[in-house]
Structures are given as structure tokens and as C-alpha cells.
């Protein structure tokens, strides 16, 4: 419960906003803001046409890693 409260107070450009949660018996859910372009895993793990894996350029992977690092740094401060 403390983690949910901490996450809900966090606001940063590199972190998706937590809008709410549900905790009922054994069922738990976190509700995050809508991401119109989908989540990051869609771009990393999905396959393109002809069942071929998509490959992201090194620059894109670097930018993703940098954004994640900035979000983590923000959380630690």
C-alpha cells in the first residue's frame, strides 16, 4: 500500500502516471494513464510484417535507456 501511495505522488516526464488501483481479496490492479502509442514493449518485442522481428537502431535503444535512467534518478532523489 505504501508503494502505491509513493508511485501515485510521482510526476515526471519519463514515468507513466498511476491513476488508481484496485485491491480486492486476491485481485490487484494498477491503473496507469493511457499511452496512445502503446507501451514500450510493443516496439521492442513485437514482430513486423512477414513475422520478422523488429530491430531498433542503437541510437533509439540508447535514448530509451537514457530516459529510463533519468526516471530512476528522479525517483531516487
Protein backbone atom coordinates (compact mmCIF):
# COMPACT_ATOMS: atom_id res chain seq x y z
CA UNK A 1 0.00 0.00 0.00
CA UNK A 2 2.88 2.39 0.79
CA UNK A 3 4.40 1.73 -2.64
CA UNK A 4 1.12 2.58 -4.37
CA UNK A 5 0.91 5.85 -2.44
CA UNK A 6 4.53 6.71 -3.35
CA UNK A 7 4.01 5.89 -7.03
CA UNK A 8 0.79 7.91 -7.21
CA UNK A 9 2.61 11.02 -5.94
CA UNK A 10 5.35 10.72 -8.53
CA UNK A 11 5.20 13.03 -11.53
CA UNK A 12 7.92 13.03 -14.18
CA UNK A 13 8.02 13.18 -17.98
CA UNK A 14 9.74 9.75 -18.16
CA UNK A 15 7.33 8.00 -15.78
CA UNK A 16 3.78 6.94 -16.61
CA UNK A 17 1.27 8.38 -14.13
CA UNK A 18 -0.57 6.00 -11.82
CA UNK A 19 -4.25 6.97 -11.84
CA UNK A 20 -5.65 4.43 -9.42
CA UNK A 21 -5.60 0.92 -8.08
CA UNK A 22 -7.86 -1.92 -7.04
CA UNK A 23 -7.17 -4.25 -4.13
CA UNK A 24 -9.94 -6.76 -3.54
CA UNK A 25 -9.18 -10.10 -1.89
CA UNK A 26 -6.68 -11.84 -4.15
CA UNK A 27 -7.24 -9.48 -7.10
CA UNK A 28 -4.96 -6.50 -7.56
CA UNK A 29 -4.67 -3.98 -10.39
CA UNK A 30 -2.79 -0.76 -11.08
CA UNK A 31 -4.39 1.73 -13.49
CA UNK A 32 -1.97 3.91 -15.42
CA UNK A 33 -2.55 6.77 -17.84
CA UNK A 34 -3.43 5.88 -21.42
CA UNK A 35 -0.47 5.57 -23.76
CA UNK A 36 -1.73 6.42 -27.27
CA UNK A 37 1.28 4.84 -29.00
CA UNK A 38 1.24 1.73 -26.84
CA UNK A 39 3.77 0.57 -24.32
CA UNK A 40 7.48 0.31 -24.94
CA UNK A 41 7.44 -3.48 -25.04
CA UNK A 42 5.24 -3.31 -28.17
CA UNK A 43 8.10 -1.66 -30.05
CA UNK A 44 10.85 -3.85 -28.60
CA UNK A 45 9.26 -7.32 -28.70
CA UNK A 46 6.57 -7.25 -31.40
CA UNK A 47 7.05 -8.54 -34.90
CA UNK A 48 6.63 -6.61 -38.10
CA UNK A 49 5.19 -7.80 -41.37
CA UNK A 50 6.13 -11.28 -42.61
CA UNK A 51 6.69 -12.39 -38.98
CA UNK A 52 10.12 -10.74 -38.86
CA UNK A 53 11.37 -9.27 -35.60
CA UNK A 54 11.62 -5.50 -35.50
CA UNK A 55 15.08 -4.15 -34.85
CA UNK A 56 15.53 -0.81 -33.14
CA UNK A 57 18.54 1.27 -34.02
CA UNK A 58 21.28 1.67 -31.41
CA UNK A 59 20.50 5.39 -31.11
CA UNK A 60 16.88 4.59 -30.27
CA UNK A 61 17.90 1.95 -27.72
CA UNK A 62 20.33 4.46 -26.19
CA UNK A 63 17.60 7.12 -25.94
CA UNK A 64 15.25 4.62 -24.28
CA UNK A 65 17.91 3.59 -21.76
CA UNK A 66 18.72 7.23 -21.04
CA UNK A 67 15.06 8.07 -20.45
CA UNK A 68 14.70 5.13 -18.07
CA UNK A 69 17.85 6.17 -16.21
CA UNK A 70 16.55 9.73 -15.83
CA UNK A 71 13.28 8.43 -14.42
CA UNK A 72 15.11 6.18 -11.94
CA UNK A 73 17.42 9.03 -10.92
CA UNK A 74 14.36 11.20 -10.27
CA UNK A 75 12.81 8.51 -8.08
CA UNK A 76 15.99 8.17 -6.03
CA UNK A 77 16.18 11.89 -5.38
